[in-house]
Amino acid sequence: MSTEQVYQEFPSRSVAADVHGILMRVASLEDTLDGKIRAWKDATRRQSKKLKDLGDIARLVESYPDLWETLPDELKAIIESPES
């Protein structure tokens, strides 16, 4: 578990999900997206990791278009709107 304060509330908002046939609690979509955005913005992360985070963010928004509105403008300028 991360010791960063921002992640401390994630478990309380977790949701039940079937993961390869096992029912477990996972981070909510909103928290997953928030974590990916924070990782993408982290100036100390390697470029390859930041590119993976960007791809993960794009896939989340493609799969769940309602998340588009929660993206910061700097990401909206890079990722196509799911309405496109």
Protein backbone atom coordinates (compact mmCIF):
# COMPACT_ATOMS: atom_id res chain seq x y z
CA MET A 1 0.00 0.00 0.00
CA SER A 2 1.26 3.46 -0.84
CA THR A 3 2.16 5.72 2.03
CA GLU A 4 1.26 8.88 0.10
CA GLN A 5 -1.59 10.67 1.82
CA VAL A 6 -3.64 11.05 -1.36
CA TYR A 7 -3.95 7.27 -1.68
CA GLN A 8 -5.08 6.66 1.91
CA GLU A 9 -8.78 7.07 1.04
CA PHE A 10 -8.70 4.72 -1.98
CA PRO A 11 -9.58 1.57 0.02
CA SER A 12 -12.70 3.19 1.49
CA ARG A 13 -13.95 3.90 -2.06
CA SER A 14 -12.98 0.52 -3.53
CA VAL A 15 -15.54 -1.52 -5.47
CA ALA A 16 -16.15 -5.25 -5.85
CA ALA A 17 -14.88 -6.73 -9.12
CA ASP A 18 -14.34 -10.15 -10.66
CA VAL A 19 -10.62 -10.47 -11.38
CA HIS A 20 -9.93 -13.66 -13.32
CA GLY A 21 -12.75 -15.43 -11.48
CA ILE A 22 -11.86 -14.11 -8.04
CA LEU A 23 -14.15 -11.56 -6.41
CA MET A 24 -12.03 -8.84 -4.83
CA ARG A 25 -12.12 -5.14 -4.05
CA VAL A 26 -10.31 -2.81 -6.45
CA ALA A 27 -9.84 0.94 -6.75
CA SER A 28 -12.81 2.82 -8.21
CA LEU A 29 -12.56 4.06 -11.79
CA GLU A 30 -12.24 7.63 -10.57
CA ASP A 31 -9.45 6.74 -8.16
CA THR A 32 -7.67 4.65 -10.80
CA LEU A 33 -7.82 7.58 -13.24
CA ASP A 34 -6.65 10.00 -10.55
CA GLY A 35 -3.69 7.76 -9.72
CA LYS A 36 -2.75 7.49 -13.41
CA ILE A 37 -2.97 11.26 -13.87
CA ARG A 38 -0.76 11.83 -10.81
CA ALA A 39 1.77 9.31 -12.14
CA TRP A 40 1.72 10.92 -15.61
CA LYS A 41 2.37 14.36 -14.09
CA ASP A 42 5.27 13.10 -11.94
CA ALA A 43 8.38 14.79 -13.36
CA THR A 44 10.63 12.14 -11.81
CA ARG A 45 9.05 9.21 -13.70
CA ARG A 46 10.85 7.71 -16.68
CA GLN A 47 9.46 8.66 -20.08
CA SER A 48 8.50 5.05 -20.83
CA LYS A 49 6.39 4.92 -17.64
CA LYS A 50 4.76 8.27 -18.42
CA LEU A 51 3.85 7.04 -21.92
CA LYS A 52 2.31 3.90 -20.43
CA ASP A 53 0.31 6.06 -18.00
CA LEU A 54 -0.90 8.20 -20.90
CA GLY A 55 -2.04 5.10 -22.78
CA ASP A 56 -3.81 3.80 -19.68
CA ILE A 57 -5.59 7.15 -19.28
CA ALA A 58 -6.68 7.11 -22.93
CA ARG A 59 -8.01 3.54 -22.58
CA LEU A 60 -9.96 4.43 -19.45
CA VAL A 61 -11.58 7.42 -21.16
CA GLU A 62 -12.37 5.36 -24.28
CA SER A 63 -14.01 2.66 -22.17
CA TYR A 64 -15.75 5.07 -19.79
CA PRO A 65 -16.49 8.31 -21.70
CA ASP A 66 -18.00 9.98 -18.61
CA LEU A 67 -14.45 10.23 -17.22
CA TRP A 68 -13.51 12.69 -20.00
CA GLU A 69 -14.92 15.64 -18.05
CA THR A 70 -12.62 14.91 -15.12
CA LEU A 71 -9.44 15.16 -17.21
CA PRO A 72 -7.28 18.26 -16.75
CA ASP A 73 -7.06 20.52 -19.82
CA GLU A 74 -3.45 19.50 -20.48
CA LEU A 75 -4.62 15.91 -21.04
CA LYS A 76 -7.67 16.94 -23.06
CA ALA A 77 -5.22 18.65 -25.45
CA ILE A 78 -3.40 15.31 -25.98
CA ILE A 79 -6.15 12.67 -25.80
CA GLU A 80 -9.02 12.60 -28.26
CA SER A 81 -12.47 13.09 -26.84
CA PRO A 82 -14.46 9.83 -26.83
CA GLU A 83 -17.15 11.77 -28.70
CA SER A 84 -14.77 12.28 -31.67
